[in-house]
N, C-alpha and C. Protein backbone atom coordinates (compact mmCIF):
# COMPACT_ATOMS: atom_id res chain seq x y z
N UNK A 1 4.80 -49.06 -161.44
CA UNK A 1 3.91 -47.93 -161.57
C UNK A 1 3.74 -47.30 -160.20
N UNK A 2 3.85 -46.02 -160.16
CA UNK A 2 3.61 -45.30 -158.92
C UNK A 2 2.15 -45.51 -158.51
N UNK A 3 1.93 -45.77 -157.25
CA UNK A 3 0.58 -46.12 -156.79
C UNK A 3 -0.43 -45.00 -157.09
N UNK A 4 0.00 -43.76 -157.10
CA UNK A 4 -0.97 -42.69 -157.39
C UNK A 4 -1.37 -42.66 -158.86
N UNK A 5 -0.55 -43.29 -159.71
CA UNK A 5 -0.90 -43.33 -161.14
C UNK A 5 -2.14 -44.17 -161.41
N UNK A 6 -2.53 -44.98 -160.46
CA UNK A 6 -3.76 -45.78 -160.65
C UNK A 6 -4.96 -44.88 -160.88
N UNK A 7 -4.89 -43.65 -160.40
CA UNK A 7 -5.99 -42.71 -160.58
C UNK A 7 -5.87 -41.96 -161.91
N UNK A 8 -4.68 -41.92 -162.47
CA UNK A 8 -4.45 -41.18 -163.72
C UNK A 8 -4.64 -42.05 -164.96
N UNK A 9 -4.22 -43.29 -164.88
CA UNK A 9 -4.19 -44.15 -166.07
C UNK A 9 -5.53 -44.27 -166.80
N UNK A 10 -6.66 -44.37 -166.12
CA UNK A 10 -7.92 -44.50 -166.87
C UNK A 10 -8.24 -43.31 -167.78
N UNK A 11 -7.58 -42.17 -167.55
CA UNK A 11 -7.86 -40.98 -168.35
C UNK A 11 -6.93 -40.82 -169.54
N UNK A 12 -5.90 -41.64 -169.64
CA UNK A 12 -4.98 -41.55 -170.77
C UNK A 12 -5.63 -42.18 -171.99
N UNK A 13 -5.67 -41.42 -173.09
CA UNK A 13 -6.34 -41.88 -174.30
C UNK A 13 -5.37 -42.41 -175.35
N UNK A 14 -4.10 -42.11 -175.22
CA UNK A 14 -3.08 -42.58 -176.15
C UNK A 14 -2.70 -44.02 -175.78
N UNK A 15 -2.59 -44.92 -176.76
CA UNK A 15 -2.16 -46.28 -176.44
C UNK A 15 -0.82 -46.27 -175.69
N UNK A 16 -0.67 -47.17 -174.75
CA UNK A 16 0.53 -47.21 -173.92
C UNK A 16 0.89 -48.65 -173.59
N UNK A 17 2.12 -48.84 -173.12
CA UNK A 17 2.55 -50.11 -172.55
C UNK A 17 2.94 -49.81 -171.11
N UNK A 18 2.34 -50.53 -170.19
CA UNK A 18 2.57 -50.32 -168.77
C UNK A 18 3.22 -51.55 -168.17
N UNK A 19 4.31 -51.35 -167.45
CA UNK A 19 5.03 -52.44 -166.79
C UNK A 19 5.05 -52.15 -165.30
N UNK A 20 4.60 -53.11 -164.49
CA UNK A 20 4.57 -52.92 -163.04
C UNK A 20 4.67 -54.25 -162.32
N UNK A 21 5.56 -54.32 -161.36
CA UNK A 21 5.68 -55.51 -160.53
C UNK A 21 4.55 -55.54 -159.51
N UNK A 22 3.89 -56.67 -159.39
CA UNK A 22 2.81 -56.79 -158.41
C UNK A 22 3.36 -56.69 -156.99
N UNK A 23 4.51 -57.27 -156.76
CA UNK A 23 5.17 -57.19 -155.45
C UNK A 23 6.25 -56.11 -155.53
N UNK A 24 5.83 -54.87 -155.74
CA UNK A 24 6.74 -53.75 -155.97
C UNK A 24 7.61 -53.51 -154.73
N UNK A 25 8.88 -53.88 -154.85
CA UNK A 25 9.81 -53.78 -153.72
C UNK A 25 9.91 -52.36 -153.19
N UNK A 26 9.95 -51.38 -154.07
CA UNK A 26 10.09 -49.99 -153.64
C UNK A 26 8.90 -49.57 -152.77
N UNK A 27 7.69 -49.82 -153.25
CA UNK A 27 6.50 -49.42 -152.49
C UNK A 27 6.38 -50.19 -151.19
N UNK A 28 6.57 -51.50 -151.26
CA UNK A 28 6.41 -52.32 -150.05
C UNK A 28 7.46 -51.98 -149.01
N UNK A 29 8.72 -51.84 -149.42
CA UNK A 29 9.77 -51.49 -148.46
C UNK A 29 9.54 -50.11 -147.85
N UNK A 30 9.07 -49.16 -148.65
CA UNK A 30 8.80 -47.83 -148.10
C UNK A 30 7.59 -47.83 -147.18
N UNK A 31 6.60 -48.66 -147.48
CA UNK A 31 5.38 -48.68 -146.66
C UNK A 31 5.56 -49.50 -145.38
N UNK A 32 6.33 -50.59 -145.44
CA UNK A 32 6.53 -51.45 -144.27
C UNK A 32 7.81 -51.09 -143.54
N UNK A 33 8.84 -50.71 -144.28
CA UNK A 33 10.12 -50.36 -143.67
C UNK A 33 11.13 -51.49 -143.70
N UNK A 34 10.72 -52.66 -144.16
CA UNK A 34 11.62 -53.80 -144.26
C UNK A 34 10.99 -54.85 -145.16
N UNK A 35 11.74 -55.89 -145.46
CA UNK A 35 11.18 -57.00 -146.23
C UNK A 35 10.10 -57.64 -145.37
N UNK A 36 8.92 -57.88 -145.92
CA UNK A 36 7.83 -58.44 -145.12
C UNK A 36 8.20 -59.78 -144.48
N UNK A 37 7.96 -59.87 -143.15
CA UNK A 37 8.29 -61.10 -142.42
C UNK A 37 7.14 -61.55 -141.52
N UNK A 38 6.56 -60.60 -140.81
CA UNK A 38 5.50 -60.95 -139.86
C UNK A 38 4.21 -61.28 -140.62
N UNK A 39 3.28 -61.98 -139.98
CA UNK A 39 2.01 -62.27 -140.65
C UNK A 39 1.29 -61.01 -141.14
N UNK A 40 1.29 -59.94 -140.34
CA UNK A 40 0.64 -58.70 -140.77
C UNK A 40 1.34 -58.09 -141.99
N UNK A 41 2.67 -58.11 -142.00
CA UNK A 41 3.42 -57.56 -143.12
C UNK A 41 3.20 -58.40 -144.39
N UNK A 42 3.19 -59.70 -144.22
CA UNK A 42 2.96 -60.58 -145.37
C UNK A 42 1.55 -60.40 -145.93
N UNK A 43 0.59 -60.19 -145.04
CA UNK A 43 -0.79 -59.94 -145.47
C UNK A 43 -0.85 -58.62 -146.24
N UNK A 44 -0.20 -57.58 -145.72
CA UNK A 44 -0.18 -56.29 -146.41
C UNK A 44 0.42 -56.44 -147.81
N UNK A 45 1.56 -57.15 -147.91
CA UNK A 45 2.22 -57.33 -149.20
C UNK A 45 1.33 -58.10 -150.17
N UNK A 46 0.64 -59.11 -149.67
CA UNK A 46 -0.27 -59.89 -150.53
C UNK A 46 -1.43 -59.04 -151.01
N UNK A 47 -1.98 -58.20 -150.14
CA UNK A 47 -3.08 -57.32 -150.54
C UNK A 47 -2.60 -56.28 -151.55
N UNK A 48 -1.40 -55.76 -151.36
CA UNK A 48 -0.82 -54.80 -152.30
C UNK A 48 -0.68 -55.45 -153.67
N UNK A 49 -0.15 -56.68 -153.71
CA UNK A 49 0.03 -57.39 -154.97
C UNK A 49 -1.32 -57.65 -155.64
N UNK A 50 -2.30 -58.02 -154.87
CA UNK A 50 -3.63 -58.29 -155.42
C UNK A 50 -4.25 -57.02 -156.01
N UNK A 51 -4.10 -55.90 -155.33
CA UNK A 51 -4.63 -54.63 -155.85
C UNK A 51 -3.92 -54.25 -157.15
N UNK A 52 -2.61 -54.44 -157.19
CA UNK A 52 -1.86 -54.12 -158.41
C UNK A 52 -2.31 -55.02 -159.56
N UNK A 53 -2.44 -56.31 -159.30
CA UNK A 53 -2.88 -57.25 -160.34
C UNK A 53 -4.26 -56.87 -160.86
N UNK A 54 -5.18 -56.57 -159.95
CA UNK A 54 -6.53 -56.19 -160.37
C UNK A 54 -6.53 -54.91 -161.18
N UNK A 55 -5.70 -53.95 -160.80
CA UNK A 55 -5.60 -52.71 -161.55
C UNK A 55 -5.09 -52.98 -162.96
N UNK A 56 -4.09 -53.83 -163.08
CA UNK A 56 -3.55 -54.17 -164.41
C UNK A 56 -4.64 -54.82 -165.27
N UNK A 57 -5.40 -55.73 -164.69
CA UNK A 57 -6.48 -56.38 -165.44
C UNK A 57 -7.54 -55.36 -165.87
N UNK A 58 -7.91 -54.46 -164.97
CA UNK A 58 -8.90 -53.44 -165.30
C UNK A 58 -8.41 -52.50 -166.40
N UNK A 59 -7.14 -52.10 -166.31
CA UNK A 59 -6.59 -51.21 -167.33
C UNK A 59 -6.55 -51.90 -168.69
N UNK A 60 -6.20 -53.18 -168.69
CA UNK A 60 -6.14 -53.92 -169.95
C UNK A 60 -7.53 -54.04 -170.58
N UNK A 61 -8.53 -54.25 -169.76
CA UNK A 61 -9.90 -54.35 -170.27
C UNK A 61 -10.40 -53.02 -170.83
N UNK A 62 -9.95 -51.92 -170.24
CA UNK A 62 -10.48 -50.61 -170.62
C UNK A 62 -9.77 -50.01 -171.83
N UNK A 63 -8.62 -50.55 -172.22
CA UNK A 63 -7.88 -50.01 -173.36
C UNK A 63 -7.40 -51.15 -174.24
N UNK A 64 -8.12 -51.40 -175.31
CA UNK A 64 -7.82 -52.54 -176.18
C UNK A 64 -6.51 -52.35 -176.95
N UNK A 65 -6.08 -51.11 -177.15
CA UNK A 65 -4.85 -50.84 -177.88
C UNK A 65 -3.64 -50.77 -176.95
N UNK A 66 -3.85 -50.94 -175.68
CA UNK A 66 -2.78 -50.81 -174.69
C UNK A 66 -2.23 -52.18 -174.30
N UNK A 67 -1.04 -52.17 -173.75
CA UNK A 67 -0.43 -53.41 -173.28
C UNK A 67 -0.03 -53.24 -171.82
N UNK A 68 -0.20 -54.29 -171.05
CA UNK A 68 0.26 -54.28 -169.66
C UNK A 68 1.08 -55.54 -169.42
N UNK A 69 2.12 -55.39 -168.63
CA UNK A 69 2.96 -56.50 -168.22
C UNK A 69 3.15 -56.37 -166.72
N UNK A 70 2.74 -57.39 -166.00
CA UNK A 70 2.85 -57.35 -164.55
C UNK A 70 3.18 -58.75 -164.04
N UNK A 71 4.25 -58.85 -163.29
CA UNK A 71 4.67 -60.14 -162.78
C UNK A 71 4.66 -60.11 -161.25
N UNK A 72 4.66 -61.27 -160.64
CA UNK A 72 4.63 -61.39 -159.18
C UNK A 72 6.04 -61.61 -158.65
N UNK A 73 6.88 -60.58 -158.79
CA UNK A 73 8.26 -60.64 -158.30
C UNK A 73 8.51 -59.46 -157.37
N UNK A 74 9.32 -59.69 -156.35
CA UNK A 74 9.66 -58.64 -155.40
C UNK A 74 10.83 -57.83 -155.97
N UNK A 75 10.50 -56.87 -156.86
CA UNK A 75 11.50 -56.01 -157.48
C UNK A 75 10.85 -54.70 -157.88
N UNK A 76 11.63 -53.82 -158.52
CA UNK A 76 11.10 -52.52 -158.91
C UNK A 76 11.90 -51.99 -160.09
N UNK A 77 11.22 -51.60 -161.15
CA UNK A 77 11.82 -50.92 -162.31
C UNK A 77 13.03 -51.65 -162.89
N UNK A 78 12.96 -52.98 -163.00
CA UNK A 78 14.11 -53.73 -163.50
C UNK A 78 14.30 -53.58 -165.00
N UNK A 79 13.26 -53.25 -165.75
CA UNK A 79 13.39 -53.12 -167.19
C UNK A 79 14.27 -51.98 -167.62
N UNK A 80 14.51 -51.01 -166.75
CA UNK A 80 15.34 -49.87 -167.08
C UNK A 80 16.82 -50.08 -166.81
N UNK A 81 17.19 -51.26 -166.33
CA UNK A 81 18.59 -51.54 -166.06
C UNK A 81 19.11 -52.59 -167.04
N UNK A 82 20.43 -52.65 -167.19
CA UNK A 82 21.02 -53.64 -168.09
C UNK A 82 20.66 -55.06 -167.62
N UNK A 83 20.81 -55.32 -166.33
CA UNK A 83 20.49 -56.66 -165.81
C UNK A 83 19.01 -56.96 -165.99
N UNK A 84 18.17 -55.99 -165.74
CA UNK A 84 16.73 -56.21 -165.87
C UNK A 84 16.30 -56.47 -167.29
N UNK A 85 16.88 -55.74 -168.23
CA UNK A 85 16.49 -55.91 -169.63
C UNK A 85 17.14 -57.12 -170.26
N UNK A 86 18.44 -57.29 -170.07
CA UNK A 86 19.18 -58.33 -170.77
C UNK A 86 19.22 -59.68 -170.06
N UNK A 87 19.06 -59.69 -168.74
CA UNK A 87 19.15 -60.96 -168.02
C UNK A 87 17.79 -61.45 -167.53
N UNK A 88 17.03 -60.59 -166.89
CA UNK A 88 15.74 -60.99 -166.34
C UNK A 88 14.71 -61.19 -167.44
N UNK A 89 14.66 -60.26 -168.41
CA UNK A 89 13.65 -60.35 -169.47
C UNK A 89 14.13 -61.11 -170.69
N UNK A 90 15.42 -61.40 -170.77
CA UNK A 90 15.92 -62.18 -171.89
C UNK A 90 16.51 -61.35 -173.02
N UNK A 91 16.47 -60.04 -172.94
CA UNK A 91 17.09 -59.20 -173.96
C UNK A 91 16.27 -59.09 -175.22
N UNK A 92 16.93 -58.72 -176.29
CA UNK A 92 16.23 -58.47 -177.55
C UNK A 92 15.78 -59.77 -178.21
N UNK A 93 14.85 -59.64 -179.12
CA UNK A 93 14.30 -60.80 -179.83
C UNK A 93 15.34 -61.34 -180.81
N UNK A 94 15.32 -62.64 -181.07
CA UNK A 94 16.26 -63.21 -182.04
C UNK A 94 15.93 -62.74 -183.45
N UNK A 95 16.90 -62.88 -184.36
CA UNK A 95 16.68 -62.49 -185.76
C UNK A 95 15.56 -63.32 -186.39
N UNK A 96 15.44 -64.57 -185.98
CA UNK A 96 14.41 -65.46 -186.51
C UNK A 96 13.37 -65.73 -185.41
N UNK A 97 12.22 -65.02 -185.45
CA UNK A 97 11.22 -65.19 -184.40
C UNK A 97 10.72 -66.62 -184.23
N UNK A 98 10.88 -67.47 -185.24
CA UNK A 98 10.41 -68.85 -185.12
C UNK A 98 11.24 -69.66 -184.12
N UNK A 99 12.42 -69.12 -183.73
CA UNK A 99 13.26 -69.82 -182.76
C UNK A 99 12.88 -69.48 -181.33
N UNK A 100 11.96 -68.55 -181.13
CA UNK A 100 11.55 -68.16 -179.78
C UNK A 100 10.73 -69.28 -179.16
N UNK A 101 10.94 -69.52 -177.87
CA UNK A 101 10.20 -70.56 -177.17
C UNK A 101 9.27 -69.96 -176.15
């Protein structure tokens, strides 16, 4: 989720599904300029992740018909790629849902 969308989401009245990585690689790399290594950079990345997680929790509480998915991985928009959908998330559901673990 684009960081500025945090101000827009509370006003959306239509049910939605929101997917956002807490350790958003795109935002963190653009804000720091590299993969976080120094104590200050690691602190910034941790605070960014915490803010994202809290926003997801707040959005979920405010919209009972909405869904949010947020993981603590250093990536960005993986669900829109073949590898992200079929390998990272496991792909489509099986024909028999009782076989899901």
